[in-house]
Amino acid sequence: MNKVEKNYTNLKTYSEQIIPVLDDYKKSYISYNIDPQNQEYATIFSVNSGNITTLNKDLFVTTNNIQTSINELNKKNSILDKNIKIEKKNNNDLVFKLQQIEGVGDGSIIMNDNSKELYKEQYISNWNMIIGILILIGILMSIFKNECITKSCIPNVNK
């Protein structure tokens, strides 16, 4: 018997037991309060009070078990919810990529994405060319500067 069935059976048993126990308690309470000196009435009242206390304790344990099970299920549901959200995001990304590959997606979105990629590639290429040109200018200047110092860069016209 699993936890749910056990808890259900316990609750059903307690609901069936509570009415007769309360009836016995009421009768013994009245009898005890009418004649508190009578030992038999005091014993019956004490036994019935103990029955109610026992029933209340058992009911508390069962409701506590139910609450523990609910908390465990909430934790599991929370984890599953997070996993579902992650998988939905992954699914949306894969569907979008599939539409791009098959060419059935929204044409403007595909063109926009393709344009962004081309722009990024051209942007990187332009910066690489600028850096290359600056390095080449630096190398050429250092070469010609060194030659002008060692040899006269001014042409000799009087020859």
N, C-alpha and C. Protein backbone atom coordinates (compact mmCIF):
# COMPACT_ATOMS: atom_id res chain seq x y z
N MET A 1 0.85 -1.17 0.00
CA MET A 1 0.00 0.00 0.00
C MET A 1 0.90 1.24 0.00
N ASN A 2 0.67 2.13 -0.94
CA ASN A 2 1.51 3.32 -1.01
C ASN A 2 1.03 4.38 -0.01
N LYS A 3 1.77 5.47 0.04
CA LYS A 3 1.48 6.51 1.03
C LYS A 3 0.09 7.11 0.87
N VAL A 4 -0.31 7.34 -0.35
CA VAL A 4 -1.60 7.98 -0.60
C VAL A 4 -2.74 7.08 -0.11
N GLU A 5 -2.67 5.81 -0.46
CA GLU A 5 -3.72 4.89 -0.02
C GLU A 5 -3.74 4.74 1.50
N LYS A 6 -2.54 4.69 2.08
CA LYS A 6 -2.45 4.56 3.54
C LYS A 6 -3.05 5.80 4.23
N ASN A 7 -2.70 6.98 3.74
CA ASN A 7 -3.25 8.21 4.32
C ASN A 7 -4.76 8.29 4.13
N TYR A 8 -5.22 7.90 2.96
CA TYR A 8 -6.67 7.91 2.70
C TYR A 8 -7.40 6.96 3.64
N THR A 9 -6.85 5.76 3.80
CA THR A 9 -7.46 4.78 4.71
C THR A 9 -7.47 5.30 6.14
N ASN A 10 -6.36 5.90 6.56
CA ASN A 10 -6.30 6.45 7.92
C ASN A 10 -7.33 7.55 8.13
N LEU A 11 -7.44 8.47 7.18
CA LEU A 11 -8.41 9.57 7.31
C LEU A 11 -9.85 9.04 7.34
N LYS A 12 -10.11 8.05 6.50
CA LYS A 12 -11.44 7.46 6.48
C LYS A 12 -11.76 6.80 7.82
N THR A 13 -10.78 6.08 8.36
CA THR A 13 -10.96 5.42 9.67
C THR A 13 -11.19 6.46 10.77
N TYR A 14 -10.42 7.53 10.75
CA TYR A 14 -10.57 8.56 11.78
C TYR A 14 -11.92 9.25 11.68
N SER A 15 -12.38 9.49 10.47
CA SER A 15 -13.69 10.15 10.31
C SER A 15 -14.82 9.23 10.79
N GLU A 16 -14.63 7.93 10.64
CA GLU A 16 -15.64 6.99 11.14
C GLU A 16 -15.59 6.87 12.66
N GLN A 17 -14.40 6.99 13.25
CA GLN A 17 -14.23 6.82 14.69
C GLN A 17 -14.61 8.08 15.48
N ILE A 18 -14.50 9.25 14.88
CA ILE A 18 -14.65 10.49 15.64
C ILE A 18 -16.06 10.67 16.21
N ILE A 19 -17.10 10.28 15.47
CA ILE A 19 -18.48 10.50 15.93
C ILE A 19 -18.77 9.65 17.17
N PRO A 20 -18.51 8.33 17.18
CA PRO A 20 -18.78 7.56 18.39
C PRO A 20 -17.90 7.99 19.58
N VAL A 21 -16.66 8.34 19.32
CA VAL A 21 -15.77 8.77 20.40
C VAL A 21 -16.29 10.07 21.02
N LEU A 22 -16.73 11.01 20.17
CA LEU A 22 -17.28 12.27 20.70
C LEU A 22 -18.58 12.04 21.47
N ASP A 23 -19.41 11.14 20.96
CA ASP A 23 -20.65 10.84 21.70
C ASP A 23 -20.34 10.26 23.08
N ASP A 24 -19.41 9.31 23.13
CA ASP A 24 -19.02 8.74 24.43
C ASP A 24 -18.42 9.81 25.34
N TYR A 25 -17.63 10.70 24.76
CA TYR A 25 -17.01 11.76 25.56
C TYR A 25 -18.08 12.70 26.14
N LYS A 26 -19.06 13.07 25.31
CA LYS A 26 -20.13 13.96 25.79
C LYS A 26 -20.86 13.33 26.98
N LYS A 27 -21.22 12.06 26.82
CA LYS A 27 -21.96 11.37 27.89
C LYS A 27 -21.12 11.28 29.16
N SER A 28 -19.84 10.92 29.00
CA SER A 28 -18.99 10.78 30.19
C SER A 28 -18.69 12.15 30.81
N TYR A 29 -18.61 13.20 30.00
CA TYR A 29 -18.37 14.55 30.52
C TYR A 29 -19.54 15.01 31.38
N ILE A 30 -20.73 14.78 30.85
CA ILE A 30 -21.93 15.18 31.60
C ILE A 30 -22.02 14.38 32.90
N SER A 31 -21.81 13.07 32.81
CA SER A 31 -21.89 12.22 34.01
C SER A 31 -20.83 12.63 35.03
N TYR A 32 -19.63 12.90 34.56
CA TYR A 32 -18.54 13.26 35.47
C TYR A 32 -18.82 14.60 36.15
N ASN A 33 -19.33 15.56 35.38
CA ASN A 33 -19.61 16.88 35.96
C ASN A 33 -20.81 16.87 36.90
N ILE A 34 -21.74 15.94 36.70
CA ILE A 34 -22.88 15.83 37.62
C ILE A 34 -22.40 15.29 38.96
N ASP A 35 -21.55 14.25 38.90
CA ASP A 35 -21.08 13.64 40.15
C ASP A 35 -19.57 13.42 40.05
N PRO A 36 -18.74 14.46 40.30
CA PRO A 36 -17.29 14.33 40.16
C PRO A 36 -16.68 13.38 41.20
N GLN A 37 -17.38 13.07 42.24
CA GLN A 37 -16.84 12.20 43.28
C GLN A 37 -16.93 10.72 42.90
N ASN A 38 -17.77 10.38 41.94
CA ASN A 38 -17.96 8.99 41.54
C ASN A 38 -16.73 8.52 40.75
N GLN A 39 -16.06 7.51 41.24
CA GLN A 39 -14.83 7.02 40.64
C GLN A 39 -15.08 6.37 39.28
N GLU A 40 -16.20 5.71 39.12
CA GLU A 40 -16.53 5.06 37.84
C GLU A 40 -16.70 6.10 36.75
N TYR A 41 -17.40 7.19 37.02
CA TYR A 41 -17.59 8.27 36.04
C TYR A 41 -16.24 8.92 35.70
N ALA A 42 -15.40 9.09 36.70
CA ALA A 42 -14.08 9.70 36.47
C ALA A 42 -13.22 8.81 35.58
N THR A 43 -13.29 7.50 35.81
CA THR A 43 -12.50 6.57 34.99
C THR A 43 -13.00 6.57 33.55
N ILE A 44 -14.30 6.53 33.36
CA ILE A 44 -14.87 6.53 31.99
C ILE A 44 -14.52 7.84 31.29
N PHE A 45 -14.64 8.96 32.01
CA PHE A 45 -14.29 10.27 31.42
C PHE A 45 -12.81 10.31 31.05
N SER A 46 -11.95 9.77 31.90
CA SER A 46 -10.51 9.76 31.62
C SER A 46 -10.19 8.90 30.40
N VAL A 47 -10.85 7.74 30.29
CA VAL A 47 -10.63 6.86 29.14
C VAL A 47 -11.09 7.54 27.86
N ASN A 48 -12.26 8.17 27.89
CA ASN A 48 -12.79 8.85 26.70
C ASN A 48 -11.93 10.06 26.32
N SER A 49 -11.40 10.78 27.31
CA SER A 49 -10.49 11.89 27.02
C SER A 49 -9.22 11.36 26.36
N GLY A 50 -8.73 10.23 26.85
CA GLY A 50 -7.55 9.60 26.25
C GLY A 50 -7.82 9.15 24.82
N ASN A 51 -9.03 8.64 24.57
CA ASN A 51 -9.38 8.23 23.20
C ASN A 51 -9.37 9.42 22.25
N ILE A 52 -9.91 10.55 22.70
CA ILE A 52 -9.92 11.75 21.86
C ILE A 52 -8.49 12.23 21.63
N THR A 53 -7.67 12.20 22.69
CA THR A 53 -6.27 12.63 22.55
C THR A 53 -5.52 11.72 21.57
N THR A 54 -5.74 10.43 21.67
CA THR A 54 -5.10 9.47 20.77
C THR A 54 -5.54 9.69 19.33
N LEU A 55 -6.84 9.88 19.15
CA LEU A 55 -7.37 10.13 17.81
C LEU A 55 -6.82 11.44 17.25
N ASN A 56 -6.73 12.45 18.09
CA ASN A 56 -6.18 13.75 17.66
C ASN A 56 -4.70 13.61 17.29
N LYS A 57 -3.95 12.83 18.08
CA LYS A 57 -2.52 12.61 17.79
C LYS A 57 -2.36 11.88 16.46
N ASP A 58 -3.14 10.84 16.25
CA ASP A 58 -3.06 10.08 15.00
C ASP A 58 -3.44 10.93 13.80
N LEU A 59 -4.45 11.76 13.99
CA LEU A 59 -4.86 12.66 12.91
C LEU A 59 -3.77 13.67 12.59
N PHE A 60 -3.10 14.18 13.63
CA PHE A 60 -2.00 15.12 13.41
C PHE A 60 -0.86 14.46 12.65
N VAL A 61 -0.51 13.24 13.03
CA VAL A 61 0.58 12.52 12.34
C VAL A 61 0.22 12.30 10.88
N THR A 62 -1.02 11.91 10.63
CA THR A 62 -1.44 11.67 9.24
C THR A 62 -1.42 12.96 8.42
N THR A 63 -1.93 14.06 8.99
CA THR A 63 -1.91 15.33 8.25
C THR A 63 -0.48 15.82 8.05
N ASN A 64 0.39 15.55 9.02
CA ASN A 64 1.79 15.91 8.86
C ASN A 64 2.43 15.10 7.73
N ASN A 65 2.11 13.82 7.64
CA ASN A 65 2.62 12.98 6.54
C ASN A 65 2.11 13.47 5.19
N ILE A 66 0.85 13.88 5.17
CA ILE A 66 0.28 14.41 3.92
C ILE A 66 0.99 15.70 3.52
N GLN A 67 1.24 16.58 4.48
CA GLN A 67 1.93 17.83 4.18
C GLN A 67 3.36 17.58 3.70
N THR A 68 4.03 16.60 4.29
CA THR A 68 5.38 16.24 3.84
C THR A 68 5.34 15.74 2.40
N SER A 69 4.36 14.92 2.09
CA SER A 69 4.23 14.42 0.71
C SER A 69 3.95 15.56 -0.26
N ILE A 70 3.13 16.50 0.16
CA ILE A 70 2.82 17.66 -0.69
C ILE A 70 4.08 18.49 -0.93
N ASN A 71 4.88 18.69 0.11
CA ASN A 71 6.12 19.46 -0.05
C ASN A 71 7.09 18.76 -1.00
N GLU A 72 7.19 17.44 -0.89
CA GLU A 72 8.06 16.68 -1.80
C GLU A 72 7.57 16.81 -3.24
N LEU A 73 6.26 16.71 -3.43
CA LEU A 73 5.70 16.86 -4.78
C LEU A 73 5.93 18.26 -5.33
N ASN A 74 5.83 19.27 -4.47
CA ASN A 74 6.07 20.65 -4.92
C ASN A 74 7.51 20.83 -5.37
N LYS A 75 8.46 20.23 -4.64
CA LYS A 75 9.86 20.31 -5.04
C LYS A 75 10.08 19.63 -6.39
N LYS A 76 9.49 18.44 -6.54
CA LYS A 76 9.64 17.72 -7.81
C LYS A 76 8.99 18.51 -8.96
N ASN A 77 7.83 19.10 -8.70
CA ASN A 77 7.16 19.90 -9.73
C ASN A 77 7.98 21.12 -10.10
N SER A 78 8.62 21.73 -9.12
CA SER A 78 9.46 22.89 -9.39
C SER A 78 10.63 22.52 -10.29
N ILE A 79 11.26 21.40 -9.99
CA ILE A 79 12.39 20.93 -10.82
C ILE A 79 11.91 20.61 -12.23
N LEU A 80 10.77 19.92 -12.32
CA LEU A 80 10.23 19.59 -13.64
C LEU A 80 9.85 20.84 -14.42
N ASP A 81 9.31 21.83 -13.73
CA ASP A 81 8.92 23.07 -14.39
C ASP A 81 10.15 23.77 -14.97
N LYS A 82 11.23 23.82 -14.19
CA LYS A 82 12.47 24.43 -14.70
C LYS A 82 12.99 23.67 -15.91
N ASN A 83 12.97 22.34 -15.83
CA ASN A 83 13.45 21.53 -16.96
C ASN A 83 12.58 21.72 -18.19
N ILE A 84 11.28 21.84 -17.99
CA ILE A 84 10.37 22.06 -19.13
C ILE A 84 10.65 23.40 -19.78
N LYS A 85 10.87 24.43 -18.97
CA LYS A 85 11.18 25.76 -19.54
C LYS A 85 12.46 25.72 -20.34
N ILE A 86 13.47 25.03 -19.82
CA ILE A 86 14.74 24.92 -20.55
C ILE A 86 14.54 24.18 -21.86
N GLU A 87 13.80 23.09 -21.82
CA GLU A 87 13.56 22.30 -23.03
C GLU A 87 12.70 23.07 -24.04
N LYS A 88 11.74 23.86 -23.56
CA LYS A 88 10.93 24.67 -24.49
C LYS A 88 11.81 25.69 -25.20
N LYS A 89 12.74 26.30 -24.45
CA LYS A 89 13.65 27.28 -25.06
C LYS A 89 14.52 26.58 -26.10
N ASN A 90 15.06 25.43 -25.74
CA ASN A 90 15.88 24.67 -26.69
C ASN A 90 15.06 24.28 -27.91
N ASN A 91 13.82 23.86 -27.71
CA ASN A 91 12.95 23.47 -28.82
C ASN A 91 12.70 24.67 -29.73
N ASN A 92 12.41 25.83 -29.16
CA ASN A 92 12.17 27.02 -29.98
C ASN A 92 13.40 27.38 -30.80
N ASP A 93 14.59 27.28 -30.19
CA ASP A 93 15.82 27.56 -30.92
C ASP A 93 16.02 26.57 -32.06
N LEU A 94 15.77 25.30 -31.79
CA LEU A 94 15.94 24.28 -32.83
C LEU A 94 14.92 24.44 -33.95
N VAL A 95 13.68 24.78 -33.60
CA VAL A 95 12.66 25.01 -34.62
C VAL A 95 13.06 26.19 -35.50
N PHE A 96 13.57 27.26 -34.87
CA PHE A 96 14.00 28.43 -35.63
C PHE A 96 15.14 28.08 -36.58
N LYS A 97 16.12 27.30 -36.08
CA LYS A 97 17.24 26.91 -36.93
C LYS A 97 16.77 26.00 -38.06
N LEU A 98 15.84 25.11 -37.78
CA LEU A 98 15.31 24.22 -38.81
C LEU A 98 14.59 25.03 -39.89
N GLN A 99 13.83 26.02 -39.47
CA GLN A 99 13.13 26.86 -40.45
C GLN A 99 14.12 27.61 -41.32
N GLN A 100 15.21 28.06 -40.72
CA GLN A 100 16.23 28.75 -41.52
C GLN A 100 16.88 27.80 -42.51
N ILE A 101 17.14 26.57 -42.07
CA ILE A 101 17.78 25.60 -42.96
C ILE A 101 16.84 25.21 -44.09
N GLU A 102 15.58 24.98 -43.77
CA GLU A 102 14.62 24.58 -44.78
C GLU A 102 14.14 25.76 -45.61
N GLY A 103 14.36 26.97 -45.13
CA GLY A 103 13.93 28.15 -45.86
C GLY A 103 12.44 28.40 -45.76
N VAL A 104 11.78 27.85 -44.75
CA VAL A 104 10.34 28.05 -44.62
C VAL A 104 10.01 29.07 -43.54
N GLY A 105 11.02 29.66 -42.94
CA GLY A 105 10.78 30.65 -41.89
C GLY A 105 10.35 31.97 -42.48
N ASP A 106 10.13 32.92 -41.65
CA ASP A 106 9.76 34.27 -42.07
C ASP A 106 10.94 34.86 -42.84
N GLY A 107 10.71 35.21 -44.09
CA GLY A 107 11.78 35.67 -44.97
C GLY A 107 12.52 36.88 -44.45
N SER A 108 11.80 37.83 -43.87
CA SER A 108 12.45 39.04 -43.38
C SER A 108 13.36 38.74 -42.20
N ILE A 109 12.96 37.81 -41.34
CA ILE A 109 13.79 37.46 -40.19
C ILE A 109 15.07 36.78 -40.67
N ILE A 110 14.92 35.87 -41.64
CA ILE A 110 16.09 35.16 -42.16
C ILE A 110 17.04 36.14 -42.84
N MET A 111 16.48 37.05 -43.65
CA MET A 111 17.31 38.04 -44.33
C MET A 111 18.00 38.95 -43.31
N ASN A 112 17.29 39.33 -42.27
CA ASN A 112 17.87 40.18 -41.25
C ASN A 112 19.02 39.47 -40.55
N ASP A 113 18.83 38.21 -40.20
CA ASP A 113 19.89 37.45 -39.55
C ASP A 113 21.10 37.28 -40.48
N ASN A 114 20.83 36.98 -41.74
CA ASN A 114 21.92 36.83 -42.70
C ASN A 114 22.67 38.15 -42.88
N SER A 115 21.94 39.27 -42.92
CA SER A 115 22.57 40.58 -43.06
C SER A 115 23.44 40.90 -41.85
N LYS A 116 22.97 40.54 -40.67
CA LYS A 116 23.76 40.77 -39.46
C LYS A 116 25.06 39.98 -39.50
N GLU A 117 24.98 38.75 -39.95
CA GLU A 117 26.18 37.92 -40.03
C GLU A 117 27.17 38.49 -41.05
N LEU A 118 26.65 38.90 -42.21
CA LEU A 118 27.52 39.50 -43.22
C LEU A 118 28.15 40.79 -42.72
N TYR A 119 27.38 41.60 -42.00
CA TYR A 119 27.89 42.85 -41.45
C TYR A 119 29.01 42.57 -40.46
N LYS A 120 28.81 41.59 -39.59
CA LYS A 120 29.84 41.26 -38.59
C LYS A 120 31.13 40.79 -39.29
N GLU A 121 30.97 39.95 -40.30
CA GLU A 121 32.15 39.47 -41.03
C GLU A 121 32.88 40.62 -41.73
N GLN A 122 32.13 41.53 -42.37
CA GLN A 122 32.74 42.66 -43.07
C GLN A 122 33.39 43.62 -42.08
N TYR A 123 32.76 43.81 -40.92
CA TYR A 123 33.28 44.70 -39.88
C TYR A 123 34.64 44.19 -39.40
N ILE A 124 34.72 42.90 -39.13
CA ILE A 124 35.98 42.30 -38.68
C ILE A 124 37.03 42.40 -39.78
N SER A 125 36.62 42.15 -41.01
CA SER A 125 37.54 42.24 -42.14
C SER A 125 38.09 43.66 -42.29
N ASN A 126 37.25 44.66 -42.15
CA ASN A 126 37.69 46.05 -42.27
C ASN A 126 38.71 46.40 -41.18
N TRP A 127 38.44 45.98 -39.95
CA TRP A 127 39.38 46.27 -38.87
C TRP A 127 40.71 45.54 -39.10
N ASN A 128 40.65 44.34 -39.60
CA ASN A 128 41.89 43.62 -39.91
C ASN A 128 42.70 44.36 -40.98
N MET A 129 42.03 44.89 -41.99
CA MET A 129 42.74 45.65 -43.02
C MET A 129 43.35 46.92 -42.45
N ILE A 130 42.61 47.64 -41.60
CA ILE A 130 43.14 48.88 -41.02
C ILE A 130 44.37 48.58 -40.17
N ILE A 131 44.29 47.55 -39.36
CA ILE A 131 45.43 47.18 -38.51
C ILE A 131 46.61 46.76 -39.38
N GLY A 132 46.34 46.00 -40.44
CA GLY A 132 47.41 45.58 -41.35
C GLY A 132 48.07 46.75 -42.04
N ILE A 133 47.26 47.72 -42.48
CA ILE A 133 47.81 48.91 -43.15
C ILE A 133 48.68 49.70 -42.18
N LEU A 134 48.21 49.87 -40.94
CA LEU A 134 48.99 50.62 -39.95
C LEU A 134 50.32 49.91 -39.66
N ILE A 135 50.29 48.59 -39.55
CA ILE A 135 51.53 47.86 -39.32
C ILE A 135 52.46 48.00 -40.51
N LEU A 136 51.93 47.92 -41.73
CA LEU A 136 52.74 48.07 -42.95
C LEU A 136 53.35 49.46 -43.03
N ILE A 137 52.58 50.49 -42.70
CA ILE A 137 53.10 51.86 -42.71
C ILE A 137 54.22 51.98 -41.68
N GLY A 138 54.02 51.40 -40.49
CA GLY A 138 55.06 51.46 -39.47
C GLY A 138 56.33 50.78 -39.92
N ILE A 139 56.20 49.62 -40.58
CA ILE A 139 57.38 48.89 -41.06
C ILE A 139 58.10 49.69 -42.13
N LEU A 140 57.34 50.23 -43.09
CA LEU A 140 57.94 51.01 -44.17
C LEU A 140 58.62 52.26 -43.64
N MET A 141 58.01 52.93 -42.68
CA MET A 141 58.63 54.13 -42.11
C MET A 141 59.92 53.79 -41.39
N SER A 142 59.91 52.67 -40.66
CA SER A 142 61.15 52.32 -39.95
C SER A 142 62.26 51.93 -40.93
N ILE A 143 61.90 51.30 -42.04
CA ILE A 143 62.92 50.92 -43.03
C ILE A 143 63.49 52.16 -43.70
N PHE A 144 62.62 53.04 -44.19
CA PHE A 144 63.10 54.23 -44.90
C PHE A 144 63.74 55.23 -43.95
N LYS A 145 63.34 55.30 -42.75
CA LYS A 145 63.95 56.20 -41.78
C LYS A 145 65.38 55.74 -41.50
N ASN A 146 65.58 54.45 -41.34
CA ASN A 146 66.92 53.92 -41.11
C ASN A 146 67.81 54.13 -42.34
N GLU A 147 67.31 53.99 -43.55
CA GLU A 147 68.09 54.20 -44.76
C GLU A 147 68.44 55.66 -44.94
N CYS A 148 67.52 56.57 -44.61
CA CYS A 148 67.78 58.00 -44.75
C CYS A 148 68.85 58.44 -43.77
N ILE A 149 68.94 57.83 -42.64
CA ILE A 149 69.95 58.21 -41.65
C ILE A 149 71.32 57.70 -42.11
N THR A 150 71.37 56.47 -42.58
CA THR A 150 72.67 55.91 -42.98
C THR A 150 73.12 56.46 -44.32
N LYS A 151 72.22 56.70 -45.23
CA LYS A 151 72.56 57.27 -46.52
C LYS A 151 71.83 58.59 -46.61
N SER A 152 72.29 59.42 -47.36
CA SER A 152 71.65 60.70 -47.52
C SER A 152 70.40 60.51 -48.37
N CYS A 153 69.26 60.90 -47.82
CA CYS A 153 68.01 60.76 -48.55
C CYS A 153 67.84 61.88 -49.58
N ILE A 154 68.62 62.94 -49.43
CA ILE A 154 68.50 64.04 -50.37
C ILE A 154 69.34 63.68 -51.59
N PRO A 155 68.70 63.67 -52.73
CA PRO A 155 69.48 63.30 -53.92
C PRO A 155 70.56 64.36 -54.23
N ASN A 156 71.63 63.89 -54.72
CA ASN A 156 72.74 64.75 -55.08
C ASN A 156 72.56 65.20 -56.51
N VAL A 157 72.23 66.44 -56.73
CA VAL A 157 71.89 66.98 -58.03
C VAL A 157 73.15 67.51 -58.77
N ASN A 158 74.18 67.77 -58.13
CA ASN A 158 75.36 68.37 -58.72
C ASN A 158 76.23 67.40 -59.48
N LYS A 159 75.99 66.23 -59.56
CA LYS A 159 76.87 65.28 -60.22
C LYS A 159 76.94 65.51 -61.65
